[in-house]
N, C-alpha and C. Protein backbone atom coordinates (compact mmCIF):
# COMPACT_ATOMS: atom_id res chain seq x y z
N MET A 1 96.58 98.13 110.22
CA MET A 1 96.26 97.63 108.90
C MET A 1 95.54 98.72 108.11
N SER A 2 95.94 98.91 106.87
CA SER A 2 95.29 99.93 106.05
C SER A 2 94.01 99.40 105.44
N VAL A 3 93.13 100.30 105.13
CA VAL A 3 91.86 99.95 104.50
C VAL A 3 92.02 99.85 102.99
N ALA A 4 92.92 100.64 102.44
CA ALA A 4 93.08 100.68 100.99
C ALA A 4 94.52 101.00 100.63
N LYS A 5 94.82 100.90 99.35
CA LYS A 5 96.12 101.35 98.84
C LYS A 5 95.85 102.28 97.67
N VAL A 6 96.81 103.12 97.37
CA VAL A 6 96.64 104.07 96.27
C VAL A 6 96.63 103.31 94.96
N GLY A 7 95.57 103.49 94.19
CA GLY A 7 95.48 102.87 92.87
C GLY A 7 96.01 103.78 91.80
N ALA A 8 95.64 105.06 91.88
CA ALA A 8 96.08 106.04 90.89
C ALA A 8 95.84 107.43 91.45
N VAL A 9 96.60 108.37 90.93
CA VAL A 9 96.35 109.79 91.17
C VAL A 9 95.72 110.29 89.87
N VAL A 10 94.50 110.84 89.95
CA VAL A 10 93.75 111.21 88.76
C VAL A 10 93.69 112.73 88.64
N LEU A 11 94.03 113.23 87.46
CA LEU A 11 93.97 114.66 87.18
C LEU A 11 92.89 114.92 86.14
N ASP A 12 91.95 115.82 86.47
CA ASP A 12 90.97 116.27 85.50
C ASP A 12 91.65 117.24 84.54
N CYS A 13 91.23 117.21 83.28
CA CYS A 13 91.86 118.07 82.29
C CYS A 13 90.99 118.13 81.04
N PRO A 14 91.25 119.08 80.15
CA PRO A 14 90.48 119.15 78.92
C PRO A 14 90.89 118.11 77.88
N ASP A 15 92.16 117.67 77.88
CA ASP A 15 92.65 116.74 76.87
C ASP A 15 93.54 115.68 77.54
N PRO A 16 92.96 114.52 77.91
CA PRO A 16 93.71 113.50 78.63
C PRO A 16 94.94 112.99 77.88
N HIS A 17 94.84 112.85 76.57
CA HIS A 17 95.98 112.33 75.81
C HIS A 17 97.15 113.31 75.81
N ALA A 18 96.86 114.58 75.65
CA ALA A 18 97.93 115.59 75.64
C ALA A 18 98.60 115.68 77.01
N LEU A 19 97.80 115.68 78.09
CA LEU A 19 98.39 115.81 79.42
C LEU A 19 99.17 114.55 79.80
N ALA A 20 98.67 113.38 79.41
CA ALA A 20 99.41 112.14 79.67
C ALA A 20 100.74 112.17 78.92
N GLY A 21 100.76 112.70 77.71
CA GLY A 21 102.00 112.82 76.96
C GLY A 21 102.99 113.75 77.63
N PHE A 22 102.48 114.85 78.18
CA PHE A 22 103.34 115.78 78.92
C PHE A 22 104.00 115.06 80.09
N TYR A 23 103.19 114.39 80.92
CA TYR A 23 103.75 113.72 82.11
C TYR A 23 104.63 112.53 81.73
N ALA A 24 104.35 111.85 80.61
CA ALA A 24 105.24 110.78 80.16
C ALA A 24 106.62 111.35 79.84
N GLY A 25 106.65 112.56 79.28
CA GLY A 25 107.92 113.21 79.02
C GLY A 25 108.65 113.61 80.28
N VAL A 26 107.90 113.88 81.35
CA VAL A 26 108.51 114.31 82.62
C VAL A 26 108.95 113.12 83.47
N VAL A 27 108.07 112.12 83.67
CA VAL A 27 108.36 111.03 84.61
C VAL A 27 108.53 109.65 83.96
N GLY A 28 108.37 109.56 82.64
CA GLY A 28 108.51 108.29 81.94
C GLY A 28 107.20 107.55 81.83
N GLY A 29 107.24 106.38 81.26
CA GLY A 29 106.05 105.58 81.07
C GLY A 29 105.43 105.81 79.71
N THR A 30 104.44 104.99 79.40
CA THR A 30 103.73 105.07 78.13
C THR A 30 102.25 105.25 78.40
N PRO A 31 101.66 106.33 77.89
CA PRO A 31 100.22 106.53 78.08
C PRO A 31 99.42 105.41 77.40
N GLU A 32 98.37 104.95 78.10
CA GLU A 32 97.49 103.93 77.55
C GLU A 32 96.05 104.30 77.81
N GLY A 33 95.23 104.16 76.81
CA GLY A 33 93.81 104.44 76.96
C GLY A 33 93.27 105.20 75.77
N GLU A 34 91.96 105.24 75.72
CA GLU A 34 91.29 105.93 74.63
C GLU A 34 90.18 106.79 75.20
N GLY A 35 89.73 107.72 74.41
CA GLY A 35 88.58 108.52 74.79
C GLY A 35 88.87 109.45 75.94
N ASP A 36 88.04 109.38 76.97
CA ASP A 36 88.07 110.34 78.06
C ASP A 36 88.97 109.95 79.23
N TRP A 37 89.70 108.85 79.13
CA TRP A 37 90.52 108.38 80.24
C TRP A 37 91.83 107.81 79.70
N VAL A 38 92.95 108.25 80.27
CA VAL A 38 94.26 107.72 79.88
C VAL A 38 95.04 107.41 81.16
N ASP A 39 95.65 106.23 81.22
CA ASP A 39 96.52 105.83 82.34
C ASP A 39 97.97 105.99 81.93
N LEU A 40 98.79 106.35 82.91
CA LEU A 40 100.24 106.40 82.72
C LEU A 40 100.87 105.63 83.86
N ALA A 41 101.35 104.41 83.58
CA ALA A 41 102.04 103.61 84.59
C ALA A 41 103.44 104.20 84.74
N VAL A 42 103.70 104.81 85.88
CA VAL A 42 104.96 105.49 86.12
C VAL A 42 105.97 104.50 86.67
N PRO A 43 107.13 104.35 86.02
CA PRO A 43 108.15 103.43 86.54
C PRO A 43 108.54 103.82 87.97
N GLY A 44 108.38 102.89 88.90
CA GLY A 44 108.76 103.13 90.29
C GLY A 44 107.82 104.04 91.06
N GLY A 45 106.65 104.32 90.54
CA GLY A 45 105.72 105.22 91.22
C GLY A 45 104.28 104.81 90.99
N PRO A 46 103.35 105.60 91.53
CA PRO A 46 101.94 105.28 91.35
C PRO A 46 101.49 105.62 89.92
N THR A 47 100.42 104.99 89.51
CA THR A 47 99.82 105.31 88.22
C THR A 47 99.24 106.72 88.26
N LEU A 48 99.50 107.48 87.22
CA LEU A 48 98.82 108.75 87.02
C LEU A 48 97.73 108.50 85.99
N ALA A 49 96.55 109.03 86.23
CA ALA A 49 95.45 108.89 85.29
C ALA A 49 94.93 110.28 84.93
N PHE A 50 94.42 110.41 83.73
CA PHE A 50 93.96 111.69 83.22
C PHE A 50 92.55 111.51 82.68
N GLN A 51 91.64 112.33 83.19
CA GLN A 51 90.22 112.21 82.88
C GLN A 51 89.73 113.50 82.24
N ARG A 52 89.05 113.36 81.09
CA ARG A 52 88.48 114.54 80.44
C ARG A 52 87.41 115.16 81.34
N ALA A 53 87.52 116.45 81.55
CA ALA A 53 86.54 117.19 82.34
C ALA A 53 86.09 118.39 81.50
N GLU A 54 84.90 118.29 80.96
CA GLU A 54 84.36 119.40 80.17
C GLU A 54 84.25 120.63 81.05
N GLY A 55 84.63 121.77 80.54
CA GLY A 55 84.57 123.00 81.31
C GLY A 55 85.64 123.11 82.37
N HIS A 56 86.71 122.31 82.24
CA HIS A 56 87.80 122.33 83.23
C HIS A 56 88.32 123.76 83.42
N VAL A 57 88.40 124.19 84.68
CA VAL A 57 88.95 125.49 85.03
C VAL A 57 90.21 125.23 85.85
N PRO A 58 91.38 125.58 85.31
CA PRO A 58 92.61 125.29 86.06
C PRO A 58 92.69 126.10 87.34
N PRO A 59 93.37 125.56 88.35
CA PRO A 59 93.59 126.31 89.58
C PRO A 59 94.53 127.47 89.32
N ARG A 60 94.56 128.40 90.26
CA ARG A 60 95.51 129.52 90.20
C ARG A 60 96.51 129.37 91.32
N TRP A 61 97.72 129.78 91.04
CA TRP A 61 98.79 129.70 92.05
C TRP A 61 99.24 131.09 92.40
N PRO A 62 99.32 131.45 93.62
CA PRO A 62 98.47 131.01 94.73
C PRO A 62 97.16 131.77 94.69
N SER A 63 96.09 131.17 95.13
CA SER A 63 94.80 131.83 95.11
C SER A 63 93.83 131.11 96.04
N ALA A 64 93.15 131.87 96.85
CA ALA A 64 92.16 131.28 97.76
C ALA A 64 90.87 130.94 97.03
N ASP A 65 90.52 131.70 95.99
CA ASP A 65 89.24 131.46 95.33
C ASP A 65 89.28 130.35 94.29
N ARG A 66 90.45 129.98 93.79
CA ARG A 66 90.60 128.83 92.89
C ARG A 66 91.84 128.07 93.32
N SER A 67 91.76 127.46 94.50
CA SER A 67 92.92 126.81 95.09
C SER A 67 93.36 125.61 94.27
N GLN A 68 94.61 125.21 94.49
CA GLN A 68 95.18 124.11 93.72
C GLN A 68 94.58 122.75 94.08
N GLN A 69 94.06 122.58 95.27
CA GLN A 69 93.44 121.35 95.75
C GLN A 69 94.41 120.18 95.88
N LEU A 70 95.31 119.97 94.97
CA LEU A 70 96.37 118.99 95.10
C LEU A 70 97.47 119.36 94.13
N HIS A 71 98.66 118.86 94.38
CA HIS A 71 99.74 119.03 93.41
C HIS A 71 100.70 117.86 93.54
N LEU A 72 101.52 117.68 92.53
CA LEU A 72 102.52 116.62 92.52
C LEU A 72 103.87 117.20 92.88
N ASP A 73 104.60 116.54 93.76
CA ASP A 73 105.99 116.85 94.03
C ASP A 73 106.83 115.82 93.28
N LEU A 74 107.64 116.29 92.34
CA LEU A 74 108.45 115.42 91.52
C LEU A 74 109.91 115.62 91.89
N THR A 75 110.55 114.57 92.41
CA THR A 75 111.93 114.65 92.87
C THR A 75 112.89 114.58 91.69
N VAL A 76 113.85 115.50 91.66
CA VAL A 76 114.84 115.56 90.58
C VAL A 76 116.23 115.70 91.17
N GLU A 77 117.24 115.34 90.39
CA GLU A 77 118.63 115.49 90.82
C GLU A 77 119.11 116.92 90.61
N ASP A 78 118.75 117.51 89.47
CA ASP A 78 119.27 118.81 89.07
C ASP A 78 118.09 119.71 88.68
N LEU A 79 117.80 120.70 89.52
CA LEU A 79 116.66 121.58 89.27
C LEU A 79 116.78 122.32 87.94
N ASP A 80 117.95 122.85 87.64
CA ASP A 80 118.11 123.62 86.40
C ASP A 80 117.87 122.75 85.17
N ALA A 81 118.44 121.56 85.14
CA ALA A 81 118.27 120.66 84.01
C ALA A 81 116.82 120.22 83.88
N ALA A 82 116.19 119.87 85.00
CA ALA A 82 114.80 119.44 84.97
C ALA A 82 113.89 120.58 84.52
N GLU A 83 114.18 121.79 84.98
CA GLU A 83 113.38 122.95 84.57
C GLU A 83 113.41 123.11 83.06
N LYS A 84 114.58 123.04 82.46
CA LYS A 84 114.68 123.17 81.00
C LYS A 84 113.80 122.15 80.29
N GLU A 85 113.81 120.92 80.80
CA GLU A 85 113.04 119.86 80.15
C GLU A 85 111.54 120.07 80.30
N VAL A 86 111.07 120.42 81.50
CA VAL A 86 109.62 120.58 81.67
C VAL A 86 109.11 121.80 80.91
N LEU A 87 109.92 122.86 80.83
CA LEU A 87 109.52 124.02 80.04
C LEU A 87 109.43 123.68 78.56
N ALA A 88 110.37 122.88 78.07
CA ALA A 88 110.34 122.45 76.68
C ALA A 88 109.13 121.57 76.38
N LEU A 89 108.65 120.84 77.39
CA LEU A 89 107.47 120.00 77.24
C LEU A 89 106.17 120.78 77.33
N GLY A 90 106.24 122.04 77.76
CA GLY A 90 105.02 122.86 77.81
C GLY A 90 104.62 123.37 79.18
N ALA A 91 105.44 123.13 80.21
CA ALA A 91 105.12 123.66 81.55
C ALA A 91 105.30 125.18 81.56
N LYS A 92 104.60 125.82 82.50
CA LYS A 92 104.72 127.26 82.71
C LYS A 92 105.22 127.49 84.14
N PRO A 93 106.21 128.38 84.33
CA PRO A 93 106.67 128.65 85.69
C PRO A 93 105.63 129.44 86.48
N LEU A 94 105.42 129.05 87.73
CA LEU A 94 104.51 129.76 88.63
C LEU A 94 105.29 130.47 89.73
N GLU A 95 106.26 129.76 90.28
CA GLU A 95 107.06 130.31 91.37
C GLU A 95 108.44 129.65 91.30
N ALA A 96 109.26 130.16 90.41
CA ALA A 96 110.55 129.51 90.15
C ALA A 96 111.71 130.50 90.17
N GLU A 97 111.46 131.72 90.63
CA GLU A 97 112.50 132.75 90.59
C GLU A 97 113.58 132.57 91.65
N ASP A 98 113.21 132.11 92.84
CA ASP A 98 114.16 131.98 93.95
C ASP A 98 115.01 130.73 93.77
N ARG A 99 116.20 130.91 93.24
CA ARG A 99 117.09 129.80 92.93
C ARG A 99 117.78 129.23 94.16
N SER A 100 117.59 129.83 95.33
CA SER A 100 118.21 129.31 96.55
C SER A 100 117.37 128.21 97.19
N ARG A 101 116.09 128.10 96.81
CA ARG A 101 115.22 127.08 97.40
C ARG A 101 115.46 125.71 96.77
N THR A 102 114.99 124.69 97.46
CA THR A 102 115.15 123.32 96.97
C THR A 102 113.96 122.87 96.12
N PHE A 103 113.05 123.77 95.78
CA PHE A 103 111.91 123.41 94.94
C PHE A 103 111.51 124.61 94.07
N ARG A 104 110.82 124.30 92.99
CA ARG A 104 110.26 125.31 92.09
C ARG A 104 108.88 124.84 91.66
N VAL A 105 107.97 125.79 91.46
CA VAL A 105 106.58 125.47 91.16
C VAL A 105 106.26 125.84 89.70
N TYR A 106 105.58 124.92 89.03
CA TYR A 106 105.20 125.08 87.62
C TYR A 106 103.74 124.68 87.45
N ALA A 107 103.18 124.99 86.29
CA ALA A 107 101.86 124.49 85.92
C ALA A 107 102.04 123.59 84.71
N ASP A 108 101.33 122.46 84.70
CA ASP A 108 101.35 121.61 83.52
C ASP A 108 100.50 122.27 82.43
N PRO A 109 100.44 121.71 81.22
CA PRO A 109 99.68 122.36 80.15
C PRO A 109 98.19 122.55 80.43
N ALA A 110 97.62 121.78 81.38
CA ALA A 110 96.22 121.96 81.74
C ALA A 110 96.05 122.89 82.93
N GLY A 111 97.16 123.42 83.47
CA GLY A 111 97.10 124.39 84.56
C GLY A 111 97.28 123.84 85.96
N HIS A 112 97.50 122.52 86.11
CA HIS A 112 97.70 121.95 87.45
C HIS A 112 99.09 122.31 87.96
N PRO A 113 99.19 122.82 89.18
CA PRO A 113 100.52 123.08 89.76
C PRO A 113 101.26 121.78 90.06
N PHE A 114 102.56 121.81 89.86
CA PHE A 114 103.44 120.72 90.31
C PHE A 114 104.78 121.33 90.69
N CYS A 115 105.50 120.62 91.55
CA CYS A 115 106.80 121.11 92.01
C CYS A 115 107.90 120.17 91.54
N LEU A 116 108.99 120.77 91.11
CA LEU A 116 110.23 120.03 90.96
C LEU A 116 110.99 120.23 92.25
N CYS A 117 111.41 119.14 92.88
CA CYS A 117 112.04 119.20 94.20
C CYS A 117 113.39 118.50 94.17
N ALA A 118 114.42 119.19 94.63
CA ALA A 118 115.72 118.59 94.85
C ALA A 118 115.90 118.52 96.36
N CYS A 119 115.05 117.72 96.99
CA CYS A 119 114.97 117.66 98.45
C CYS A 119 115.64 116.41 98.98
């Protein structure tokens, strides 16, 4: 028997509304909330939440001194098509050169690493 269930995955960021809008463009859903906290109910997935963090310092990929601490793996059907869309939404490629792999690594607009996976 489990003790708990996942309620939300929370990402610290400088602008919760902007980052929630980015992820709504990537995984769907409608951002809800005001001020320093925004929820994004993801269709078929866990809620993503975005919390304002003053002085937010994004992780570096890869780096031992500012490690990523967590990242999202987002499953897609077509890596090339998904890449075009996330780049248009404001993602930055971190490790996407090797086209033979089944995943590519990007940073969201607040600097959090995430992977597009055709796994």
